[in-house]
N, C-alpha and C. Protein backbone atom coordinates (compact mmCIF):
# COMPACT_ATOMS: atom_id res chain seq x y z
N MET A 1 102.76 104.03 91.28
CA MET A 1 103.47 104.97 90.47
C MET A 1 102.45 105.86 89.78
N PHE A 2 102.73 107.15 89.81
CA PHE A 2 101.84 108.13 89.22
C PHE A 2 102.52 108.74 88.00
N GLY A 3 101.92 108.54 86.84
CA GLY A 3 102.44 109.09 85.61
C GLY A 3 102.80 108.02 84.61
N ALA A 4 102.21 108.09 83.42
CA ALA A 4 102.43 107.08 82.39
C ALA A 4 103.04 107.70 81.13
N GLY A 5 103.84 108.74 81.33
CA GLY A 5 104.54 109.33 80.19
C GLY A 5 105.75 108.49 79.82
N HIS A 6 106.69 109.12 79.12
CA HIS A 6 107.87 108.39 78.64
C HIS A 6 108.69 107.81 79.80
N VAL A 7 108.93 108.60 80.83
CA VAL A 7 109.74 108.11 81.95
C VAL A 7 108.98 107.06 82.73
N GLY A 8 107.70 107.29 83.01
CA GLY A 8 106.90 106.31 83.72
C GLY A 8 106.85 104.97 83.01
N THR A 9 106.70 105.02 81.70
CA THR A 9 106.70 103.79 80.91
C THR A 9 108.04 103.08 81.00
N ALA A 10 109.12 103.84 80.95
CA ALA A 10 110.46 103.24 81.06
C ALA A 10 110.66 102.62 82.43
N VAL A 11 110.16 103.26 83.49
CA VAL A 11 110.30 102.71 84.84
C VAL A 11 109.52 101.40 84.94
N VAL A 12 108.31 101.36 84.43
CA VAL A 12 107.52 100.12 84.46
C VAL A 12 108.23 99.03 83.67
N ASP A 13 108.78 99.38 82.51
CA ASP A 13 109.53 98.39 81.73
C ASP A 13 110.72 97.84 82.52
N THR A 14 111.36 98.68 83.31
CA THR A 14 112.51 98.27 84.10
C THR A 14 112.09 97.40 85.28
N LEU A 15 110.98 97.73 85.91
CA LEU A 15 110.52 97.02 87.11
C LEU A 15 109.69 95.77 86.82
N ARG A 16 109.28 95.58 85.59
CA ARG A 16 108.34 94.50 85.29
C ARG A 16 108.86 93.11 85.61
N ASN A 17 110.16 92.92 85.59
CA ASN A 17 110.72 91.59 85.87
C ASN A 17 111.15 91.41 87.32
N LEU A 18 110.87 92.39 88.14
CA LEU A 18 111.21 92.29 89.56
C LEU A 18 110.01 91.79 90.35
N ASP A 19 110.28 91.35 91.56
CA ASP A 19 109.23 90.84 92.43
C ASP A 19 108.50 92.03 93.06
N CYS A 20 107.56 92.59 92.33
CA CYS A 20 106.79 93.72 92.86
C CYS A 20 105.43 93.77 92.15
N ASN A 21 104.51 94.40 92.81
CA ASN A 21 103.19 94.67 92.24
C ASN A 21 103.07 96.17 92.10
N ILE A 22 102.73 96.60 90.91
CA ILE A 22 102.72 98.03 90.62
C ILE A 22 101.29 98.47 90.30
N ARG A 23 100.89 99.55 90.96
CA ARG A 23 99.65 100.25 90.60
C ARG A 23 100.12 101.48 89.83
N TRP A 24 99.75 101.56 88.58
CA TRP A 24 100.23 102.60 87.67
C TRP A 24 99.06 103.52 87.37
N VAL A 25 99.13 104.74 87.86
CA VAL A 25 97.99 105.66 87.85
C VAL A 25 98.27 106.84 86.92
N ASP A 26 97.28 107.18 86.11
CA ASP A 26 97.37 108.38 85.28
C ASP A 26 95.96 108.91 85.04
N SER A 27 95.87 110.22 84.90
CA SER A 27 94.57 110.86 84.71
C SER A 27 94.21 111.04 83.23
N ARG A 28 95.14 110.74 82.35
CA ARG A 28 94.88 110.93 80.91
C ARG A 28 94.21 109.70 80.32
N ARG A 29 93.29 109.96 79.40
CA ARG A 29 92.54 108.86 78.77
C ARG A 29 93.42 108.14 77.75
N ASN A 30 93.29 106.82 77.74
CA ASN A 30 93.97 105.96 76.77
C ASN A 30 95.49 106.13 76.77
N ILE A 31 96.08 106.38 77.92
CA ILE A 31 97.52 106.61 78.01
C ILE A 31 98.31 105.30 78.10
N PHE A 32 97.70 104.26 78.63
CA PHE A 32 98.42 103.01 78.85
C PHE A 32 98.50 102.20 77.57
N ARG A 33 99.74 101.96 77.12
CA ARG A 33 99.95 101.23 75.87
C ARG A 33 100.23 99.76 76.15
N ARG A 34 101.25 99.49 76.94
CA ARG A 34 101.61 98.11 77.29
C ARG A 34 101.59 98.00 78.81
N VAL A 35 100.89 97.01 79.29
CA VAL A 35 100.78 96.82 80.74
C VAL A 35 101.26 95.42 81.09
N PRO A 36 102.43 95.30 81.74
CA PRO A 36 102.94 93.99 82.14
C PRO A 36 102.02 93.30 83.14
N ARG A 37 102.25 92.00 83.35
CA ARG A 37 101.40 91.19 84.23
C ARG A 37 101.38 91.68 85.68
N ASN A 38 102.51 92.20 86.18
CA ASN A 38 102.56 92.61 87.58
C ASN A 38 102.12 94.06 87.78
N VAL A 39 101.43 94.61 86.79
CA VAL A 39 101.01 96.01 86.83
C VAL A 39 99.49 96.10 86.69
N ARG A 40 98.91 96.93 87.54
CA ARG A 40 97.48 97.25 87.42
C ARG A 40 97.39 98.70 86.97
N ALA A 41 96.94 98.93 85.75
CA ALA A 41 96.80 100.29 85.21
C ALA A 41 95.48 100.89 85.69
N ILE A 42 95.57 102.11 86.19
CA ILE A 42 94.39 102.80 86.72
C ILE A 42 94.28 104.15 86.02
N GLU A 43 93.28 104.27 85.19
CA GLU A 43 92.99 105.53 84.51
C GLU A 43 91.86 106.20 85.26
N THR A 44 92.15 107.37 85.85
CA THR A 44 91.15 108.06 86.65
C THR A 44 91.35 109.56 86.56
N SER A 45 90.26 110.28 86.57
CA SER A 45 90.35 111.74 86.53
C SER A 45 90.79 112.31 87.87
N GLU A 46 90.73 111.50 88.92
CA GLU A 46 91.12 111.93 90.27
C GLU A 46 92.32 111.11 90.75
N ALA A 47 93.42 111.22 90.05
CA ALA A 47 94.60 110.39 90.34
C ALA A 47 95.07 110.53 91.79
N ALA A 48 95.03 111.71 92.34
CA ALA A 48 95.53 111.93 93.71
C ALA A 48 94.77 111.10 94.74
N LEU A 49 93.52 110.79 94.47
CA LEU A 49 92.72 110.00 95.41
C LEU A 49 93.23 108.58 95.53
N GLU A 50 94.00 108.11 94.56
CA GLU A 50 94.53 106.75 94.59
C GLU A 50 95.58 106.56 95.68
N VAL A 51 96.13 107.64 96.21
CA VAL A 51 97.11 107.54 97.30
C VAL A 51 96.50 106.79 98.48
N ALA A 52 95.26 107.09 98.78
CA ALA A 52 94.58 106.46 99.93
C ALA A 52 94.36 104.97 99.74
N ALA A 53 94.34 104.50 98.50
CA ALA A 53 94.09 103.08 98.23
C ALA A 53 95.33 102.21 98.40
N MET A 54 96.47 102.81 98.58
CA MET A 54 97.71 102.04 98.69
C MET A 54 97.89 101.49 100.10
N PRO A 55 98.46 100.30 100.21
CA PRO A 55 98.70 99.73 101.54
C PRO A 55 99.82 100.48 102.27
N PRO A 56 99.85 100.36 103.59
CA PRO A 56 100.95 100.97 104.36
C PRO A 56 102.30 100.45 103.88
N ARG A 57 103.32 101.26 104.03
CA ARG A 57 104.72 100.94 103.68
C ARG A 57 104.91 100.72 102.18
N SER A 58 104.09 101.41 101.38
CA SER A 58 104.24 101.34 99.93
C SER A 58 105.39 102.23 99.47
N TYR A 59 105.82 101.98 98.27
CA TYR A 59 106.82 102.80 97.59
C TYR A 59 106.08 103.62 96.55
N PHE A 60 106.25 104.93 96.58
CA PHE A 60 105.54 105.82 95.66
C PHE A 60 106.52 106.52 94.74
N LEU A 61 106.20 106.56 93.47
CA LEU A 61 106.93 107.35 92.48
C LEU A 61 105.93 108.32 91.86
N VAL A 62 106.30 109.59 91.84
CA VAL A 62 105.41 110.62 91.31
C VAL A 62 106.11 111.28 90.13
N MET A 63 105.52 111.14 88.96
CA MET A 63 106.10 111.71 87.74
C MET A 63 105.02 112.00 86.72
N THR A 64 104.05 112.80 87.13
CA THR A 64 102.93 113.10 86.24
C THR A 64 103.30 114.23 85.27
N HIS A 65 102.36 114.58 84.43
CA HIS A 65 102.52 115.64 83.44
C HIS A 65 102.25 117.02 84.03
N SER A 66 101.93 117.10 85.32
CA SER A 66 101.48 118.35 85.93
C SER A 66 102.16 118.59 87.28
N HIS A 67 102.80 119.76 87.43
CA HIS A 67 103.41 120.10 88.72
C HIS A 67 102.35 120.21 89.81
N ALA A 68 101.18 120.75 89.48
CA ALA A 68 100.11 120.88 90.47
C ALA A 68 99.64 119.51 90.94
N LEU A 69 99.51 118.57 90.02
CA LEU A 69 99.10 117.22 90.39
C LEU A 69 100.20 116.54 91.19
N ASP A 70 101.45 116.71 90.78
CA ASP A 70 102.58 116.17 91.55
C ASP A 70 102.53 116.67 92.99
N PHE A 71 102.29 117.96 93.16
CA PHE A 71 102.26 118.56 94.50
C PHE A 71 101.13 117.95 95.33
N ASP A 72 99.95 117.83 94.74
CA ASP A 72 98.80 117.25 95.45
C ASP A 72 99.09 115.81 95.86
N ILE A 73 99.60 115.02 94.93
CA ILE A 73 99.89 113.61 95.22
C ILE A 73 100.95 113.50 96.31
N CYS A 74 102.05 114.24 96.18
CA CYS A 74 103.12 114.17 97.18
C CYS A 74 102.62 114.60 98.55
N GLY A 75 101.80 115.63 98.60
CA GLY A 75 101.24 116.07 99.88
C GLY A 75 100.42 114.99 100.55
N ARG A 76 99.63 114.30 99.77
CA ARG A 76 98.81 113.20 100.32
C ARG A 76 99.69 112.05 100.81
N ILE A 77 100.74 111.76 100.07
CA ILE A 77 101.65 110.68 100.48
C ILE A 77 102.34 111.05 101.78
N LEU A 78 102.88 112.25 101.85
CA LEU A 78 103.62 112.68 103.03
C LEU A 78 102.71 112.74 104.25
N ARG A 79 101.49 113.20 104.08
CA ARG A 79 100.56 113.29 105.22
C ARG A 79 100.18 111.91 105.75
N ARG A 80 100.21 110.89 104.91
CA ARG A 80 99.96 109.52 105.39
C ARG A 80 101.02 109.11 106.40
N ASN A 81 102.25 109.52 106.16
CA ASN A 81 103.38 109.25 107.05
C ASN A 81 103.64 107.76 107.24
N ASP A 82 103.45 106.98 106.17
CA ASP A 82 103.73 105.55 106.28
C ASP A 82 104.40 104.98 105.03
N ALA A 83 104.85 105.84 104.13
CA ALA A 83 105.49 105.37 102.90
C ALA A 83 106.92 104.95 103.17
N ARG A 84 107.34 103.88 102.54
CA ARG A 84 108.75 103.49 102.61
C ARG A 84 109.59 104.37 101.71
N TYR A 85 108.96 104.91 100.66
CA TYR A 85 109.68 105.74 99.70
C TYR A 85 108.66 106.65 99.02
N CYS A 86 108.99 107.93 98.94
CA CYS A 86 108.17 108.90 98.21
C CYS A 86 109.11 109.66 97.30
N GLY A 87 109.17 109.25 96.04
CA GLY A 87 110.08 109.86 95.08
C GLY A 87 109.34 110.72 94.08
N LEU A 88 109.90 111.89 93.83
CA LEU A 88 109.32 112.87 92.91
C LEU A 88 110.34 113.19 91.83
N ILE A 89 109.96 113.04 90.58
CA ILE A 89 110.87 113.39 89.50
C ILE A 89 110.99 114.92 89.45
N GLY A 90 112.20 115.38 89.27
CA GLY A 90 112.39 116.82 89.17
C GLY A 90 113.76 117.24 89.64
N SER A 91 113.95 118.52 89.68
CA SER A 91 115.22 119.13 90.03
C SER A 91 115.24 119.58 91.48
N VAL A 92 116.40 120.05 91.91
CA VAL A 92 116.53 120.61 93.26
C VAL A 92 115.63 121.84 93.40
N SER A 93 115.52 122.65 92.35
CA SER A 93 114.67 123.84 92.44
C SER A 93 113.19 123.46 92.56
N LYS A 94 112.76 122.39 91.90
CA LYS A 94 111.38 121.92 92.06
C LYS A 94 111.17 121.46 93.49
N ARG A 95 112.12 120.76 94.04
CA ARG A 95 112.02 120.32 95.43
C ARG A 95 111.87 121.51 96.37
N ARG A 96 112.70 122.53 96.17
CA ARG A 96 112.64 123.72 97.04
C ARG A 96 111.28 124.41 96.95
N ARG A 97 110.74 124.53 95.74
CA ARG A 97 109.41 125.13 95.58
C ARG A 97 108.36 124.32 96.33
N PHE A 98 108.42 122.99 96.20
CA PHE A 98 107.46 122.13 96.89
C PHE A 98 107.63 122.25 98.41
N GLU A 99 108.87 122.24 98.89
CA GLU A 99 109.12 122.36 100.33
C GLU A 99 108.50 123.65 100.87
N LYS A 100 108.73 124.74 100.17
CA LYS A 100 108.20 126.04 100.61
C LYS A 100 106.68 126.00 100.69
N ARG A 101 106.03 125.44 99.69
CA ARG A 101 104.57 125.36 99.69
C ARG A 101 104.07 124.42 100.78
N PHE A 102 104.76 123.30 101.02
CA PHE A 102 104.35 122.40 102.09
C PHE A 102 104.46 123.09 103.45
N ARG A 103 105.54 123.84 103.66
CA ARG A 103 105.68 124.57 104.93
C ARG A 103 104.56 125.60 105.08
N GLN A 104 104.20 126.28 104.00
CA GLN A 104 103.11 127.26 104.05
C GLN A 104 101.79 126.59 104.41
N GLN A 105 101.64 125.34 104.05
CA GLN A 105 100.44 124.58 104.40
C GLN A 105 100.50 124.00 105.81
N GLY A 106 101.63 124.20 106.49
CA GLY A 106 101.76 123.72 107.86
C GLY A 106 102.27 122.30 107.99
N LEU A 107 102.79 121.73 106.93
CA LEU A 107 103.33 120.36 107.00
C LEU A 107 104.63 120.38 107.79
N GLU A 108 104.78 119.43 108.69
CA GLU A 108 105.98 119.35 109.52
C GLU A 108 107.21 119.05 108.68
N GLN A 109 108.35 119.65 109.07
CA GLN A 109 109.59 119.46 108.32
C GLN A 109 110.01 117.99 108.28
N ALA A 110 109.75 117.25 109.35
CA ALA A 110 110.11 115.83 109.36
C ALA A 110 109.38 115.07 108.25
N LEU A 111 108.15 115.44 107.95
CA LEU A 111 107.42 114.80 106.86
C LEU A 111 107.95 115.27 105.51
N ILE A 112 108.22 116.56 105.38
CA ILE A 112 108.76 117.10 104.14
C ILE A 112 110.09 116.43 103.81
N ASP A 113 110.89 116.16 104.82
CA ASP A 113 112.20 115.55 104.62
C ASP A 113 112.11 114.13 104.05
N GLN A 114 110.95 113.51 104.11
CA GLN A 114 110.78 112.17 103.55
C GLN A 114 110.69 112.18 102.02
N LEU A 115 110.47 113.35 101.44
CA LEU A 115 110.37 113.46 99.99
C LEU A 115 111.74 113.32 99.35
N VAL A 116 111.85 112.41 98.40
CA VAL A 116 113.10 112.21 97.65
C VAL A 116 112.95 112.90 96.30
N CYS A 117 113.72 113.95 96.11
CA CYS A 117 113.70 114.70 94.85
C CYS A 117 114.98 115.51 94.78
N PRO A 118 115.76 115.36 93.74
CA PRO A 118 115.58 114.49 92.59
C PRO A 118 115.68 113.01 92.96
N ILE A 119 115.21 112.18 92.04
CA ILE A 119 115.21 110.74 92.27
C ILE A 119 116.34 110.07 91.51
N GLY A 120 116.69 108.87 91.95
CA GLY A 120 117.71 108.07 91.26
C GLY A 120 119.01 108.04 92.03
N VAL A 121 119.76 106.96 91.85
CA VAL A 121 121.05 106.83 92.53
C VAL A 121 122.04 107.83 91.96
N ASP A 122 122.97 108.25 92.80
CA ASP A 122 124.03 109.15 92.35
C ASP A 122 124.90 108.47 91.32
N GLY A 123 125.43 109.27 90.43
CA GLY A 123 126.38 108.76 89.45
C GLY A 123 125.78 108.42 88.11
N ILE A 124 124.45 108.38 88.03
CA ILE A 124 123.79 108.15 86.74
C ILE A 124 123.12 109.48 86.37
N SER A 125 123.74 110.20 85.46
CA SER A 125 123.28 111.55 85.17
C SER A 125 122.54 111.66 83.84
N GLY A 126 122.29 110.55 83.17
CA GLY A 126 121.60 110.59 81.89
C GLY A 126 120.19 111.11 82.02
N LYS A 127 119.69 111.71 80.96
CA LYS A 127 118.35 112.29 80.96
C LYS A 127 117.36 111.52 80.09
N LYS A 128 117.83 110.46 79.44
CA LYS A 128 116.92 109.64 78.64
C LYS A 128 116.02 108.85 79.57
N PRO A 129 114.75 108.61 79.17
CA PRO A 129 113.83 107.86 80.04
C PRO A 129 114.40 106.54 80.55
N ALA A 130 115.06 105.77 79.70
CA ALA A 130 115.61 104.48 80.14
C ALA A 130 116.71 104.66 81.16
N GLU A 131 117.52 105.70 81.03
CA GLU A 131 118.60 105.97 82.00
C GLU A 131 118.02 106.39 83.35
N ILE A 132 117.00 107.23 83.31
CA ILE A 132 116.34 107.65 84.54
C ILE A 132 115.69 106.43 85.21
N ALA A 133 115.07 105.57 84.40
CA ALA A 133 114.41 104.38 84.94
C ALA A 133 115.38 103.47 85.66
N VAL A 134 116.56 103.26 85.09
CA VAL A 134 117.57 102.41 85.73
C VAL A 134 118.00 103.02 87.05
N ALA A 135 118.25 104.33 87.06
CA ALA A 135 118.68 105.01 88.29
C ALA A 135 117.61 104.94 89.37
N VAL A 136 116.36 105.11 88.98
CA VAL A 136 115.24 105.07 89.94
C VAL A 136 115.03 103.65 90.46
N ALA A 137 115.07 102.67 89.56
CA ALA A 137 114.91 101.28 89.99
C ALA A 137 116.01 100.89 90.96
N ALA A 138 117.25 101.32 90.69
CA ALA A 138 118.36 101.03 91.60
C ALA A 138 118.13 101.67 92.97
N GLU A 139 117.61 102.89 92.97
CA GLU A 139 117.35 103.57 94.24
C GLU A 139 116.26 102.84 95.04
N ILE A 140 115.21 102.43 94.37
CA ILE A 140 114.14 101.71 95.06
C ILE A 140 114.66 100.38 95.60
N LEU A 141 115.45 99.67 94.82
CA LEU A 141 116.03 98.41 95.30
C LEU A 141 116.93 98.64 96.51
N ARG A 142 117.68 99.72 96.51
CA ARG A 142 118.54 100.06 97.66
C ARG A 142 117.68 100.31 98.90
N VAL A 143 116.61 101.09 98.74
CA VAL A 143 115.72 101.38 99.88
C VAL A 143 115.06 100.10 100.36
N LYS A 144 114.62 99.27 99.43
CA LYS A 144 113.99 98.00 99.80
C LYS A 144 114.98 97.10 100.54
N GLY A 145 116.22 97.06 100.09
CA GLY A 145 117.25 96.26 100.76
C GLY A 145 117.52 96.74 102.17
N ARG A 146 117.56 98.05 102.35
CA ARG A 146 117.77 98.61 103.69
C ARG A 146 116.60 98.27 104.61
N ALA A 147 115.38 98.32 104.07
CA ALA A 147 114.20 97.97 104.88
C ALA A 147 114.26 96.52 105.29
N ALA A 148 114.69 95.64 104.39
CA ALA A 148 114.80 94.21 104.71
C ALA A 148 115.87 93.99 105.78
N ASP A 149 116.97 94.74 105.71
CA ASP A 149 118.03 94.61 106.70
C ASP A 149 117.55 94.98 108.09
N THR A 150 116.69 96.00 108.18
CA THR A 150 116.21 96.43 109.50
C THR A 150 115.19 95.45 110.06
N LEU A 151 114.57 94.65 109.21
CA LEU A 151 113.60 93.67 109.68
C LEU A 151 114.23 92.34 110.07
N ALA A 152 115.48 92.13 109.63
CA ALA A 152 116.16 90.87 109.95
C ALA A 152 116.49 90.84 111.44
N PRO A 153 116.35 89.67 112.07
CA PRO A 153 116.67 89.58 113.49
C PRO A 153 118.16 89.82 113.73
N SER A 154 118.45 90.41 114.87
CA SER A 154 119.83 90.69 115.24
C SER A 154 120.19 89.82 116.44
N TYR A 155 121.34 89.15 116.36
CA TYR A 155 121.77 88.27 117.42
C TYR A 155 123.08 88.80 118.02
N GLY A 156 123.26 88.60 119.28
CA GLY A 156 124.51 88.96 119.93
C GLY A 156 125.64 88.05 119.45
N ASP A 157 126.87 88.45 119.73
CA ASP A 157 128.04 87.68 119.29
C ASP A 157 128.08 86.28 119.90
N ASN A 158 127.44 86.12 121.05
CA ASN A 158 127.48 84.82 121.73
C ASN A 158 126.31 83.91 121.34
N VAL A 159 125.47 84.33 120.39
CA VAL A 159 124.31 83.54 119.99
C VAL A 159 124.44 83.21 118.51
N LEU A 160 124.32 81.93 118.22
CA LEU A 160 124.33 81.49 116.82
C LEU A 160 122.98 80.86 116.51
N PRO A 161 122.23 81.45 115.59
CA PRO A 161 120.91 80.89 115.28
C PRO A 161 121.07 79.55 114.58
N LEU A 162 120.06 78.69 114.73
CA LEU A 162 120.09 77.40 114.07
C LEU A 162 119.99 77.56 112.56
N LYS A 163 119.23 78.54 112.15
CA LYS A 163 119.06 78.78 110.73
C LYS A 163 119.21 80.28 110.49
N ARG A 164 120.09 80.66 109.63
CA ARG A 164 120.30 82.08 109.33
C ARG A 164 119.12 82.60 108.51
N PRO A 165 118.69 83.85 108.77
CA PRO A 165 117.58 84.43 108.01
C PRO A 165 117.96 84.68 106.58
């Protein structure tokens, strides 16, 4: 997760009790106030470079204090082409601006289409950090559940496994 502002902090607070390991990256000095056990806080002046340190099939959340930094980070994530989720906080107009710039850079539309912006499940329209965090956590859990479903073995109607997955 990139960004340790109010929303980023709320997202970490929401995810801290789930079975996940979080790398929480921010370029601002002394920004991390509370860091749960399943979180590794990374303070670095080159936050975008941390994209390369993530394992394949990671879930990325981008919500920094800078649109330019958001764009750089998202571009690096999309170019990797191995993220399970690439979510960017923002509006539809921010998404359109990013899409246009990515196309100008020659990024394929199939990669651009992997960007989720705005983030969060439908139906939760609150703008408070805690409300956004709940909506985003629900969306990530939904994506994670779908990924688990696709990894589960599939059996024909005439085959009954000895032990269900």
